[in-house]
Amino acid sequence: MRLLLVEDDERLATPLARALRGAGYAVDWVTDGVEAEHLGWEEPFDVIVLDLGLPSRSGLEVLRNWRAVGLRTPVIVLTARGAWYERVAGFKAGADDYVPKPFHDEELLARIGAVLRRACGGGAGALRVGGLVLDEEHQEAVLPDGGRVVLTGTEFRLLRYFMLHPDRPLSKSRLAEHVYAGDDARDSNVIEVYVNRLRRKLGRERIVTRRGQGYLFPSDP
C-alpha cells in the first residue's frame, strides 16, 4: 500500500517514515503544503497522513482543496492542536481520522490499518480473505491449516493490496503504482515475478491471471 506522509518537522517525520516503511508501506514524504496538494491529487495513494501546520499552505486548506475536487483518498490528520473545535474543523474539512501529537507509532499504524479497511469495504480486525489471514504485525500469511508463511517486504505489500481488493481484476501497472513509492524504480513486469513467488508460497489458485486485465485474488479460491 502506498502512503503519502506530509510533515515538515524532520525530527518527527524521519523516524515516522522509517516506522511506516517497516510496517510495509511504500512511503512518499513531503514537507510543503503546496507540493503535498499537487502530489496527493496526481499520484494514486492509498492513504495520506497530513500534518496541519505546514509551510506555504496549511494542512486544513490542502484537505479542503482535495475534497473540493473530489479526491476520496483516506486522510489521517496529525496536529499538535488538541482542542475539540479544531478536531471538528478537521472532520468537517474531510478528515477520516485525527491523531493528536504526541502519539505512539503503534497507535497511528493501527488507525491507518482501520481506515484502509473501511475505505476498501472491509470489517474490523485482521484482514481475512478466502480462509487466508494476513498477520500485519509479523508480515506473515496464516494458511487455513494454521501454517505460517514468511513474506518479504514486497510480497507483503503486494499481498495486502490483493487482500484489500478481492475479486477485482488488477493490472500490473496499477499494482506497481501501489506497491512502490514514487522515487522507486518501477517495472510492472517485476510484479509478475512477485505474483509467482506468492503463488509458490500460498498456492497457485490464490492468484488468478485474467488475460488482458491482470490478476485477481478470489475470495473463494
C-alpha atoms as a PDB file:
ATOM      1  CA  MET A   1       0.000   0.000   0.000  1.00  0.00           C
ATOM      2  CA  ARG A   2       1.289   3.450  -0.918  1.00  0.00           C
ATOM      3  CA  LEU A   3       1.199   6.246   1.671  1.00  0.00           C
ATOM      4  CA  LEU A   4       1.820   9.987   1.452  1.00  0.00           C
ATOM      5  CA  LEU A   5       3.340  11.488   4.603  1.00  0.00           C
ATOM      6  CA  VAL A   6       3.032  15.283   4.819  1.00  0.00           C
ATOM      7  CA  GLU A   7       5.068  16.584   7.764  1.00  0.00           C
ATOM      8  CA  ASP A   8       7.553  19.471   7.901  1.00  0.00           C
ATOM      9  CA  ASP A   9       9.147  18.520  11.237  1.00  0.00           C
ATOM     10  CA  GLU A  10      12.114  16.399  10.180  1.00  0.00           C
ATOM     11  CA  ARG A  11      12.759  15.185  13.739  1.00  0.00           C
ATOM     12  CA  LEU A  12       9.306  13.620  13.786  1.00  0.00           C
ATOM     13  CA  ALA A  13       8.987  12.633  10.131  1.00  0.00           C
ATOM     14  CA  THR A  14      12.294  10.786   9.704  1.00  0.00           C
ATOM     15  CA  PRO A  15      11.663   8.095  12.344  1.00  0.00           C
ATOM     16  CA  LEU A  16       7.959   8.006  11.452  1.00  0.00           C
ATOM     17  CA  ALA A  17       8.706   7.344   7.778  1.00  0.00           C
ATOM     18  CA  ARG A  18      11.085   4.589   8.875  1.00  0.00           C
ATOM     19  CA  ALA A  19       8.387   3.024  11.061  1.00  0.00           C
ATOM     20  CA  LEU A  20       5.821   3.215   8.260  1.00  0.00           C
ATOM     21  CA  ARG A  21       8.189   1.539   5.803  1.00  0.00           C
ATOM     22  CA  GLY A  22       8.968  -1.100   8.403  1.00  0.00           C
ATOM     23  CA  ALA A  23       5.234  -1.755   8.697  1.00  0.00           C
ATOM     24  CA  GLY A  24       5.012  -2.482   4.977  1.00  0.00           C
ATOM     25  CA  TYR A  25       4.025   0.841   3.422  1.00  0.00           C
ATOM     26  CA  ALA A  26       5.625   2.434   0.378  1.00  0.00           C
ATOM     27  CA  VAL A  27       6.136   5.979   1.690  1.00  0.00           C
ATOM     28  CA  ASP A  28       6.443   9.302  -0.148  1.00  0.00           C
ATOM     29  CA  TRP A  29       7.364  12.143   2.229  1.00  0.00           C
ATOM     30  CA  VAL A  30       6.877  15.858   1.512  1.00  0.00           C
ATOM     31  CA  THR A  31       7.190  18.897   3.792  1.00  0.00           C
ATOM     32  CA  ASP A  32       5.312  21.636   1.941  1.00  0.00           C
ATOM     33  CA  GLY A  33       1.569  22.212   1.680  1.00  0.00           C
ATOM     34  CA  VAL A  34       1.564  23.253  -1.981  1.00  0.00           C
ATOM     35  CA  GLU A  35       3.663  20.266  -3.035  1.00  0.00           C
ATOM     36  CA  ALA A  36       1.516  17.954  -0.914  1.00  0.00           C
ATOM     37  CA  GLU A  37      -1.689  19.186  -2.554  1.00  0.00           C
ATOM     38  CA  HIS A  38      -0.308  18.620  -6.030  1.00  0.00           C
ATOM     39  CA  LEU A  39       1.171  15.196  -5.245  1.00  0.00           C
ATOM     40  CA  GLY A  40      -1.938  13.993  -3.435  1.00  0.00           C
ATOM     41  CA  TRP A  41      -4.050  14.738  -6.478  1.00  0.00           C
ATOM     42  CA  GLU A  42      -1.612  13.485  -9.122  1.00  0.00           C
ATOM     43  CA  GLU A  43      -0.414  10.212  -7.544  1.00  0.00           C
ATOM     44  CA  PRO A  44      -2.501   7.121  -6.611  1.00  0.00           C
ATOM     45  CA  PHE A  45      -2.011   6.978  -2.845  1.00  0.00           C
ATOM     46  CA  ASP A  46      -3.992   4.572  -0.697  1.00  0.00           C
ATOM     47  CA  VAL A  47      -3.853   6.764   2.413  1.00  0.00           C
ATOM     48  CA  ILE A  48      -2.471  10.180   3.388  1.00  0.00           C
ATOM     49  CA  VAL A  49      -1.071  11.212   6.785  1.00  0.00           C
ATOM     50  CA  LEU A  50      -1.341  15.000   6.893  1.00  0.00           C
ATOM     51  CA  ASP A  51       0.078  17.494   9.380  1.00  0.00           C
ATOM     52  CA  LEU A  52      -1.931  20.710   9.715  1.00  0.00           C
ATOM     53  CA  GLY A  53       0.901  23.134  10.495  1.00  0.00           C
ATOM     54  CA  LEU A  54       2.645  23.276   7.120  1.00  0.00           C
ATOM     55  CA  PRO A  55       4.602  25.996   5.301  1.00  0.00           C
ATOM     56  CA  SER A  56       3.184  27.610   2.129  1.00  0.00           C
ATOM     57  CA  ARG A  57      -0.327  26.238   2.652  1.00  0.00           C
ATOM     58  CA  SER A  58      -1.961  24.889   5.796  1.00  0.00           C
ATOM     59  CA  GLY A  59      -2.919  21.238   6.005  1.00  0.00           C
ATOM     60  CA  LEU A  60      -6.541  22.199   6.598  1.00  0.00           C
ATOM     61  CA  GLU A  61      -6.626  24.212   3.358  1.00  0.00           C
ATOM     62  CA  VAL A  62      -4.904  21.379   1.490  1.00  0.00           C
ATOM     63  CA  LEU A  63      -7.509  18.940   2.764  1.00  0.00           C
ATOM     64  CA  ARG A  64     -10.406  21.218   1.845  1.00  0.00           C
ATOM     65  CA  ASN A  65      -8.993  21.654  -1.663  1.00  0.00           C
ATOM     66  CA  TRP A  66      -8.570  17.887  -2.110  1.00  0.00           C
ATOM     67  CA  ARG A  67     -12.158  17.208  -1.120  1.00  0.00           C
ATOM     68  CA  ALA A  68     -13.456  20.107  -3.242  1.00  0.00           C
ATOM     69  CA  VAL A  69     -12.057  18.486  -6.395  1.00  0.00           C
ATOM     70  CA  GLY A  70     -13.353  15.045  -5.435  1.00  0.00           C
ATOM     71  CA  LEU A  71     -10.259  13.340  -4.004  1.00  0.00           C
ATOM     72  CA  ARG A  72     -11.516  10.410  -1.921  1.00  0.00           C
ATOM     73  CA  THR A  73      -8.189   9.111  -0.612  1.00  0.00           C
ATOM     74  CA  PRO A  74      -8.468   8.499   3.161  1.00  0.00           C
ATOM     75  CA  VAL A  75      -6.707  11.230   5.165  1.00  0.00           C
ATOM     76  CA  ILE A  76      -5.499  10.957   8.746  1.00  0.00           C
ATOM     77  CA  VAL A  77      -4.741  14.352  10.276  1.00  0.00           C
ATOM     78  CA  LEU A  78      -1.765  14.867  12.590  1.00  0.00           C
ATOM     79  CA  THR A  79      -1.628  18.000  14.699  1.00  0.00           C
ATOM     80  CA  ALA A  80      -0.352  19.440  17.945  1.00  0.00           C
ATOM     81  CA  ARG A  81      -3.626  21.351  18.219  1.00  0.00           C
ATOM     82  CA  GLY A  82      -5.809  19.297  20.518  1.00  0.00           C
ATOM     83  CA  ALA A  83      -8.844  21.498  21.117  1.00  0.00           C
ATOM     84  CA  TRP A  84     -12.173  19.855  20.316  1.00  0.00           C
ATOM     85  CA  TYR A  85     -13.228  22.578  17.880  1.00  0.00           C
ATOM     86  CA  GLU A  86     -10.018  22.100  15.896  1.00  0.00           C
ATOM     87  CA  ARG A  87     -10.751  18.396  15.594  1.00  0.00           C
ATOM     88  CA  VAL A  88     -14.276  19.248  14.444  1.00  0.00           C
ATOM     89  CA  ALA A  89     -12.813  21.595  11.807  1.00  0.00           C
ATOM     90  CA  GLY A  90     -10.594  18.752  10.562  1.00  0.00           C
ATOM     91  CA  PHE A  91     -13.506  16.342  10.259  1.00  0.00           C
ATOM     92  CA  LYS A  92     -15.655  18.972   8.527  1.00  0.00           C
ATOM     93  CA  ALA A  93     -12.844  19.537   6.038  1.00  0.00           C
ATOM     94  CA  GLY A  94     -12.951  15.844   5.165  1.00  0.00           C
ATOM     95  CA  ALA A  95     -10.551  14.043   7.524  1.00  0.00           C
ATOM     96  CA  ASP A  96     -11.175  10.335   8.078  1.00  0.00           C
ATOM     97  CA  ASP A  97      -9.356  10.246  11.413  1.00  0.00           C
ATOM     98  CA  TYR A  98      -7.491  12.589  13.730  1.00  0.00           C
ATOM     99  CA  VAL A  99      -4.340  11.823  15.756  1.00  0.00           C
ATOM    100  CA  PRO A 100      -3.062  14.491  18.170  1.00  0.00           C
ATOM    101  CA  LYS A 101       0.656  14.909  18.814  1.00  0.00           C
ATOM    102  CA  PRO A 102       2.499  13.421  20.575  1.00  0.00           C
ATOM    103  CA  PHE A 103       1.448   9.920  19.605  1.00  0.00           C
ATOM    104  CA  HIS A 104       2.811   6.383  19.596  1.00  0.00           C
ATOM    105  CA  ASP A 105       3.694   4.904  16.213  1.00  0.00           C
ATOM    106  CA  GLU A 106       1.684   1.790  17.090  1.00  0.00           C
ATOM    107  CA  GLU A 107      -1.492   3.848  17.525  1.00  0.00           C
ATOM    108  CA  LEU A 108      -1.031   5.604  14.196  1.00  0.00           C
ATOM    109  CA  LEU A 109      -0.339   2.297  12.435  1.00  0.00           C
ATOM    110  CA  ALA A 110      -3.499   0.796  13.929  1.00  0.00           C
ATOM    111  CA  ARG A 111      -5.546   3.792  12.782  1.00  0.00           C
ATOM    112  CA  ILE A 112      -4.055   3.623   9.278  1.00  0.00           C
ATOM    113  CA  GLY A 113      -4.968  -0.055   9.038  1.00  0.00           C
ATOM    114  CA  ALA A 114      -8.518   0.593  10.234  1.00  0.00           C
ATOM    115  CA  VAL A 115      -9.028   3.495   7.810  1.00  0.00           C
ATOM    116  CA  LEU A 116      -7.739   1.420   4.884  1.00  0.00           C
ATOM    117  CA  ARG A 117     -10.040  -1.497   5.691  1.00  0.00           C
ATOM    118  CA  ARG A 118     -13.044   0.835   5.939  1.00  0.00           C
ATOM    119  CA  ALA A 119     -12.133   2.527   2.651  1.00  0.00           C
ATOM    120  CA  CYS A 120     -11.951  -0.850   0.919  1.00  0.00           C
ATOM    121  CA  GLY A 121     -15.230  -2.047   2.409  1.00  0.00           C
ATOM    122  CA  GLY A 122     -13.676  -4.445   4.900  1.00  0.00           C
ATOM    123  CA  GLY A 123     -14.511  -5.022   8.538  1.00  0.00           C
ATOM    124  CA  ALA A 124     -12.550  -4.552  11.725  1.00  0.00           C
ATOM    125  CA  GLY A 125      -9.851  -6.921  12.928  1.00  0.00           C
ATOM    126  CA  ALA A 126      -7.321  -8.960  10.995  1.00  0.00           C
ATOM    127  CA  LEU A 127      -7.501  -8.992   7.213  1.00  0.00           C
ATOM    128  CA  ARG A 128      -9.107 -12.296   6.101  1.00  0.00           C
ATOM    129  CA  VAL A 129      -9.906 -13.444   2.565  1.00  0.00           C
ATOM    130  CA  GLY A 130     -10.738 -16.974   1.420  1.00  0.00           C
ATOM    131  CA  GLY A 131      -9.520 -18.603   4.615  1.00  0.00           C
ATOM    132  CA  LEU A 132      -6.209 -16.746   4.454  1.00  0.00           C
ATOM    133  CA  VAL A 133      -5.298 -14.364   7.286  1.00  0.00           C
ATOM    134  CA  LEU A 134      -2.707 -11.597   6.977  1.00  0.00           C
ATOM    135  CA  ASP A 135      -0.635 -11.088  10.130  1.00  0.00           C
ATOM    136  CA  GLU A 136       0.352  -7.467   9.534  1.00  0.00           C
ATOM    137  CA  GLU A 137       2.454  -7.158  12.688  1.00  0.00           C
ATOM    138  CA  HIS A 138       4.787 -10.010  11.712  1.00  0.00           C
ATOM    139  CA  GLN A 139       4.274  -9.653   7.940  1.00  0.00           C
ATOM    140  CA  GLU A 140       3.235 -13.273   7.578  1.00  0.00           C
ATOM    141  CA  ALA A 141       0.318 -15.093   5.939  1.00  0.00           C
ATOM    142  CA  VAL A 142      -1.586 -17.632   8.021  1.00  0.00           C
ATOM    143  CA  LEU A 143      -2.943 -20.523   5.964  1.00  0.00           C
ATOM    144  CA  PRO A 144      -6.292 -22.236   6.647  1.00  0.00           C
ATOM    145  CA  ASP A 145      -4.468 -25.153   8.318  1.00  0.00           C
ATOM    146  CA  GLY A 146      -2.668 -22.761  10.682  1.00  0.00           C
ATOM    147  CA  GLY A 147       0.653 -22.847   8.875  1.00  0.00           C
ATOM    148  CA  ARG A 148       2.524 -19.565   8.674  1.00  0.00           C
ATOM    149  CA  VAL A 149       4.263 -18.186   5.593  1.00  0.00           C
ATOM    150  CA  VAL A 150       7.013 -15.571   5.977  1.00  0.00           C
ATOM    151  CA  LEU A 151       6.817 -12.783   3.386  1.00  0.00           C
ATOM    152  CA  THR A 152       9.426 -10.390   2.044  1.00  0.00           C
ATOM    153  CA  GLY A 153       8.620  -6.681   2.159  1.00  0.00           C
ATOM    154  CA  THR A 154       7.439  -6.513  -1.454  1.00  0.00           C
ATOM    155  CA  GLU A 155       5.491  -9.775  -1.155  1.00  0.00           C
ATOM    156  CA  PHE A 156       3.747  -8.419   1.931  1.00  0.00           C
ATOM    157  CA  ARG A 157       2.794  -5.110   0.272  1.00  0.00           C
ATOM    158  CA  LEU A 158       1.522  -6.923  -2.805  1.00  0.00           C
ATOM    159  CA  LEU A 159      -0.492  -9.497  -0.839  1.00  0.00           C
ATOM    160  CA  ARG A 160      -2.037  -6.817   1.377  1.00  0.00           C
ATOM    161  CA  TYR A 161      -3.156  -4.891  -1.702  1.00  0.00           C
ATOM    162  CA  PHE A 162      -4.653  -8.042  -3.212  1.00  0.00           C
ATOM    163  CA  MET A 163      -6.476  -8.898   0.012  1.00  0.00           C
ATOM    164  CA  LEU A 164      -7.888  -5.388   0.365  1.00  0.00           C
ATOM    165  CA  HIS A 165      -9.237  -5.635  -3.201  1.00  0.00           C
ATOM    166  CA  PRO A 166     -10.523  -9.220  -3.570  1.00  0.00           C
ATOM    167  CA  ASP A 167     -12.425 -10.343  -6.659  1.00  0.00           C
ATOM    168  CA  ARG A 168     -11.266  -7.301  -8.654  1.00  0.00           C
ATOM    169  CA  PRO A 169      -9.028  -7.521 -11.744  1.00  0.00           C
ATOM    170  CA  LEU A 170      -5.844  -5.551 -11.015  1.00  0.00           C
ATOM    171  CA  SER A 171      -3.414  -4.635 -13.781  1.00  0.00           C
ATOM    172  CA  LYS A 172       0.348  -4.930 -13.386  1.00  0.00           C
ATOM    173  CA  SER A 173       0.746  -1.173 -13.736  1.00  0.00           C
ATOM    174  CA  ARG A 174      -1.841  -0.479 -11.033  1.00  0.00           C
ATOM    175  CA  LEU A 175      -0.176  -2.951  -8.677  1.00  0.00           C
ATOM    176  CA  ALA A 176       3.228  -1.354  -9.319  1.00  0.00           C
ATOM    177  CA  GLU A 177       1.801   2.103  -8.556  1.00  0.00           C
ATOM    178  CA  HIS A 178       0.539   0.947  -5.161  1.00  0.00           C
ATOM    179  CA  VAL A 179       3.417  -1.335  -4.134  1.00  0.00           C
ATOM    180  CA  TYR A 180       6.288   1.085  -4.797  1.00  0.00           C
ATOM    181  CA  ALA A 181       6.936   4.659  -3.642  1.00  0.00           C
ATOM    182  CA  GLY A 182       7.334   7.462  -6.159  1.00  0.00           C
ATOM    183  CA  ASP A 183      11.144   7.511  -6.062  1.00  0.00           C
ATOM    184  CA  ASP A 184      11.440   3.722  -6.506  1.00  0.00           C
ATOM    185  CA  ALA A 185      12.312   2.291  -9.889  1.00  0.00           C
ATOM    186  CA  ARG A 186       9.054   0.789 -11.144  1.00  0.00           C
ATOM    187  CA  ASP A 187       8.823  -2.046 -13.616  1.00  0.00           C
ATOM    188  CA  SER A 188       5.369  -3.538 -13.943  1.00  0.00           C
ATOM    189  CA  ASN A 189       6.904  -6.728 -15.341  1.00  0.00           C
ATOM    190  CA  VAL A 190       8.619  -7.339 -11.994  1.00  0.00           C
ATOM    191  CA  ILE A 191       5.132  -7.677 -10.482  1.00  0.00           C
ATOM    192  CA  GLU A 192       4.823 -10.979 -12.362  1.00  0.00           C
ATOM    193  CA  VAL A 193       7.897 -12.256 -10.521  1.00  0.00           C
ATOM    194  CA  TYR A 194       6.387 -11.450  -7.126  1.00  0.00           C
ATOM    195  CA  VAL A 195       2.997 -12.866  -8.108  1.00  0.00           C
ATOM    196  CA  ASN A 196       4.697 -16.160  -8.941  1.00  0.00           C
ATOM    197  CA  ARG A 197       6.528 -16.092  -5.611  1.00  0.00           C
ATOM    198  CA  LEU A 198       3.236 -15.640  -3.771  1.00  0.00           C
ATOM    199  CA  ARG A 199       1.696 -18.478  -5.770  1.00  0.00           C
ATOM    200  CA  ARG A 200       4.519 -20.800  -4.752  1.00  0.00           C
ATOM    201  CA  LYS A 201       4.069 -19.865  -1.107  1.00  0.00           C
ATOM    202  CA  LEU A 202       0.265 -19.721  -0.912  1.00  0.00           C
ATOM    203  CA  GLY A 203      -0.959 -21.943  -3.755  1.00  0.00           C
ATOM    204  CA  ARG A 204      -1.456 -21.141  -7.423  1.00  0.00           C
ATOM    205  CA  GLU A 205      -5.224 -20.929  -7.002  1.00  0.00           C
ATOM    206  CA  ARG A 206      -4.842 -17.874  -4.765  1.00  0.00           C
ATOM    207  CA  ILE A 207      -3.987 -15.510  -7.636  1.00  0.00           C
ATOM    208  CA  VAL A 208      -5.783 -15.922 -10.966  1.00  0.00           C
ATOM    209  CA  THR A 209      -4.461 -14.473 -14.225  1.00  0.00           C
ATOM    210  CA  ARG A 210      -7.055 -12.558 -16.235  1.00  0.00           C
ATOM    211  CA  ARG A 211      -5.801 -12.227 -19.796  1.00  0.00           C
ATOM    212  CA  GLY A 212      -5.743  -8.587 -20.873  1.00  0.00           C
ATOM    213  CA  GLN A 213      -6.736  -7.408 -17.371  1.00  0.00           C
ATOM    214  CA  GLY A 214      -4.049  -8.530 -14.941  1.00  0.00           C
ATOM    215  CA  TYR A 215      -4.571 -10.554 -11.793  1.00  0.00           C
ATOM    216  CA  LEU A 216      -7.461 -11.359  -9.482  1.00  0.00           C
ATOM    217  CA  PHE A 217      -7.381 -12.521  -5.847  1.00  0.00           C
ATOM    218  CA  PRO A 218     -10.571 -14.590  -5.404  1.00  0.00           C
ATOM    219  CA  SER A 219     -12.451 -14.555  -2.105  1.00  0.00           C
ATOM    220  CA  ASP A 220     -13.446 -18.179  -2.772  1.00  0.00           C
ATOM    221  CA  PRO A 221     -10.415 -19.884  -4.392  1.00  0.00           C
END
